[in-house]
Structures are given as structure tokens and as C-alpha cells.
Amino acid sequence: MVEWIAAALVLVSVGLYPRLPLAGALYGIAASSLWIAVGLMTGLQGLVALNLALLGINTWNAWRYS
């Protein structure tokens, strides 16, 4: 269930980003946070590392567009 929510947030983030960059970045932060939780629960360290990088990028974009 958490995986579907995270995947939906990623898709919304990708869809919103060109028109509403701040909203896209905030949805990206939410999606990355959920995927980090999934990675920690399942022990997939690559998933956690990838989403930590995405979390940093989306946080930078949210700060830049706010």
C-alpha cells in the first residue's frame, strides 16, 4: 500500500513540476520520504540512497522556488 502511495506521489510530482515547480518539489519530498521508509523497512539500501539524493534535490528546488 505504501509503495502505491509513493509511486502515485512521484507521478504527481513529475506532472506538476513543469507548471508548478514548488508543488512538484513538495510532492517529490513526500514521495522520496515514503520511498526511504519503504527502503528501510525492506532493507533495500540502494533505494534509500537513491531517494536520499532525490530528497536533497527536491528540498533544494522547494527552497529555490519558495
N, C-alpha and C. Protein backbone atom coordinates (compact mmCIF):
# COMPACT_ATOMS: atom_id res chain seq x y z
N MET A 1 0.81 -1.20 0.00
CA MET A 1 0.00 0.00 0.00
C MET A 1 0.86 1.27 0.00
N VAL A 2 1.87 1.29 0.87
CA VAL A 2 2.75 2.46 0.93
C VAL A 2 3.46 2.66 -0.40
N GLU A 3 3.83 1.54 -1.05
CA GLU A 3 4.52 1.64 -2.34
C GLU A 3 3.64 2.32 -3.38
N TRP A 4 2.34 2.01 -3.39
CA TRP A 4 1.43 2.62 -4.37
C TRP A 4 1.26 4.10 -4.10
N ILE A 5 1.19 4.47 -2.83
CA ILE A 5 1.08 5.89 -2.49
C ILE A 5 2.33 6.64 -2.93
N ALA A 6 3.49 6.05 -2.66
CA ALA A 6 4.74 6.69 -3.06
C ALA A 6 4.84 6.81 -4.57
N ALA A 7 4.46 5.76 -5.28
CA ALA A 7 4.51 5.81 -6.75
C ALA A 7 3.55 6.87 -7.29
N ALA A 8 2.37 6.98 -6.69
CA ALA A 8 1.41 8.00 -7.13
C ALA A 8 1.95 9.40 -6.87
N LEU A 9 2.61 9.60 -5.74
CA LEU A 9 3.19 10.91 -5.45
C LEU A 9 4.31 11.26 -6.43
N VAL A 10 5.10 10.26 -6.82
CA VAL A 10 6.14 10.51 -7.82
C VAL A 10 5.52 10.95 -9.13
N LEU A 11 4.47 10.26 -9.57
CA LEU A 11 3.82 10.62 -10.83
C LEU A 11 3.20 12.01 -10.75
N VAL A 12 2.57 12.34 -9.64
CA VAL A 12 2.01 13.68 -9.48
C VAL A 12 3.13 14.72 -9.49
N SER A 13 4.24 14.41 -8.84
CA SER A 13 5.39 15.32 -8.82
C SER A 13 5.90 15.59 -10.22
N VAL A 14 6.05 14.54 -11.01
CA VAL A 14 6.55 14.70 -12.38
C VAL A 14 5.56 15.50 -13.21
N GLY A 15 4.26 15.28 -12.99
CA GLY A 15 3.25 16.01 -13.74
C GLY A 15 3.15 17.47 -13.35
N LEU A 16 3.34 17.78 -12.08
CA LEU A 16 3.20 19.15 -11.60
C LEU A 16 4.44 20.00 -11.84
N TYR A 17 5.60 19.37 -11.88
CA TYR A 17 6.84 20.13 -11.85
C TYR A 17 6.97 21.18 -12.95
N PRO A 18 6.63 20.88 -14.22
CA PRO A 18 6.81 21.91 -15.25
C PRO A 18 5.92 23.14 -15.04
N ARG A 19 4.72 22.97 -14.53
CA ARG A 19 3.79 24.10 -14.39
C ARG A 19 3.85 24.74 -13.00
N LEU A 20 4.00 23.93 -12.00
CA LEU A 20 4.03 24.41 -10.62
C LEU A 20 5.27 23.85 -9.93
N PRO A 21 6.43 24.46 -10.12
CA PRO A 21 7.67 23.86 -9.62
C PRO A 21 7.70 23.66 -8.11
N LEU A 22 7.13 24.59 -7.34
CA LEU A 22 7.15 24.42 -5.88
C LEU A 22 6.28 23.24 -5.48
N ALA A 23 5.09 23.12 -6.06
CA ALA A 23 4.22 21.98 -5.74
C ALA A 23 4.87 20.67 -6.15
N GLY A 24 5.52 20.66 -7.32
CA GLY A 24 6.22 19.45 -7.76
C GLY A 24 7.33 19.07 -6.81
N ALA A 25 8.07 20.07 -6.33
CA ALA A 25 9.16 19.79 -5.40
C ALA A 25 8.62 19.27 -4.07
N LEU A 26 7.52 19.84 -3.59
CA LEU A 26 6.94 19.38 -2.32
C LEU A 26 6.39 17.96 -2.44
N TYR A 27 5.74 17.65 -3.55
CA TYR A 27 5.28 16.28 -3.76
C TYR A 27 6.48 15.34 -3.89
N GLY A 28 7.56 15.81 -4.52
CA GLY A 28 8.77 14.99 -4.62
C GLY A 28 9.36 14.68 -3.26
N ILE A 29 9.33 15.67 -2.36
CA ILE A 29 9.81 15.45 -0.99
C ILE A 29 8.97 14.38 -0.30
N ALA A 30 7.66 14.48 -0.45
CA ALA A 30 6.77 13.49 0.17
C ALA A 30 7.02 12.10 -0.40
N ALA A 31 7.15 12.03 -1.72
CA ALA A 31 7.37 10.72 -2.36
C ALA A 31 8.71 10.12 -1.94
N SER A 32 9.76 10.94 -1.93
CA SER A 32 11.07 10.43 -1.53
C SER A 32 11.06 9.95 -0.09
N SER A 33 10.36 10.69 0.77
CA SER A 33 10.29 10.29 2.18
C SER A 33 9.60 8.94 2.33
N LEU A 34 8.52 8.73 1.58
CA LEU A 34 7.84 7.43 1.65
C LEU A 34 8.72 6.31 1.12
N TRP A 35 9.43 6.56 0.01
CA TRP A 35 10.30 5.52 -0.55
C TRP A 35 11.47 5.22 0.38
N ILE A 36 11.97 6.23 1.10
CA ILE A 36 13.01 5.98 2.10
C ILE A 36 12.47 5.05 3.18
N ALA A 37 11.25 5.31 3.63
CA ALA A 37 10.63 4.43 4.64
C ALA A 37 10.48 3.01 4.11
N VAL A 38 10.05 2.88 2.86
CA VAL A 38 9.91 1.54 2.26
C VAL A 38 11.27 0.86 2.19
N GLY A 39 12.29 1.59 1.77
CA GLY A 39 13.63 1.02 1.68
C GLY A 39 14.16 0.58 3.03
N LEU A 40 13.89 1.36 4.07
CA LEU A 40 14.34 0.99 5.41
C LEU A 40 13.59 -0.24 5.92
N MET A 41 12.30 -0.32 5.61
CA MET A 41 11.51 -1.48 6.07
C MET A 41 11.93 -2.76 5.36
N THR A 42 12.32 -2.66 4.10
CA THR A 42 12.65 -3.85 3.32
C THR A 42 14.15 -4.13 3.28
N GLY A 43 14.96 -3.22 3.78
CA GLY A 43 16.39 -3.42 3.79
C GLY A 43 17.07 -3.15 2.45
N LEU A 44 16.41 -2.43 1.57
CA LEU A 44 17.00 -2.10 0.26
C LEU A 44 17.79 -0.80 0.38
N GLN A 45 19.09 -0.93 0.58
CA GLN A 45 19.91 0.25 0.82
C GLN A 45 20.07 1.12 -0.42
N GLY A 46 20.04 0.51 -1.60
CA GLY A 46 20.12 1.29 -2.83
C GLY A 46 18.92 2.20 -3.00
N LEU A 47 17.75 1.71 -2.64
CA LEU A 47 16.52 2.50 -2.71
C LEU A 47 16.60 3.68 -1.75
N VAL A 48 17.12 3.43 -0.57
CA VAL A 48 17.27 4.51 0.42
C VAL A 48 18.27 5.54 -0.09
N ALA A 49 19.40 5.10 -0.61
CA ALA A 49 20.42 6.03 -1.10
C ALA A 49 19.90 6.88 -2.25
N LEU A 50 19.23 6.25 -3.19
CA LEU A 50 18.67 6.99 -4.34
C LEU A 50 17.68 8.04 -3.86
N ASN A 51 16.81 7.68 -2.96
CA ASN A 51 15.79 8.62 -2.52
C ASN A 51 16.33 9.67 -1.57
N LEU A 52 17.42 9.40 -0.89
CA LEU A 52 18.07 10.47 -0.13
C LEU A 52 18.62 11.53 -1.07
N ALA A 53 19.18 11.09 -2.19
CA ALA A 53 19.65 12.05 -3.20
C ALA A 53 18.49 12.84 -3.77
N LEU A 54 17.40 12.16 -4.12
CA LEU A 54 16.22 12.85 -4.65
C LEU A 54 15.61 13.79 -3.62
N LEU A 55 15.65 13.39 -2.36
CA LEU A 55 15.13 14.24 -1.29
C LEU A 55 15.94 15.54 -1.22
N GLY A 56 17.25 15.41 -1.34
CA GLY A 56 18.10 16.60 -1.34
C GLY A 56 17.81 17.52 -2.51
N ILE A 57 17.65 16.94 -3.70
CA ILE A 57 17.36 17.73 -4.89
C ILE A 57 16.01 18.43 -4.76
N ASN A 58 15.00 17.69 -4.32
CA ASN A 58 13.67 18.28 -4.18
C ASN A 58 13.63 19.33 -3.07
N THR A 59 14.38 19.13 -2.01
CA THR A 59 14.45 20.14 -0.95
C THR A 59 15.10 21.41 -1.48
N TRP A 60 16.16 21.26 -2.24
CA TRP A 60 16.82 22.42 -2.86
C TRP A 60 15.85 23.15 -3.79
N ASN A 61 15.11 22.40 -4.61
CA ASN A 61 14.15 23.03 -5.52
C ASN A 61 13.02 23.72 -4.76
N ALA A 62 12.54 23.12 -3.69
CA ALA A 62 11.48 23.75 -2.89
C ALA A 62 11.99 25.05 -2.29
N TRP A 63 13.22 25.04 -1.79
CA TRP A 63 13.79 26.26 -1.23
C TRP A 63 13.98 27.31 -2.31
N ARG A 64 14.43 26.89 -3.47
CA ARG A 64 14.70 27.82 -4.56
C ARG A 64 13.42 28.47 -5.09
N TYR A 65 12.33 27.73 -5.16
CA TYR A 65 11.09 28.25 -5.73
C TYR A 65 10.16 28.86 -4.69
N SER A 66 10.52 28.82 -3.41
CA SER A 66 9.63 29.40 -2.40
C SER A 66 9.93 30.88 -2.21
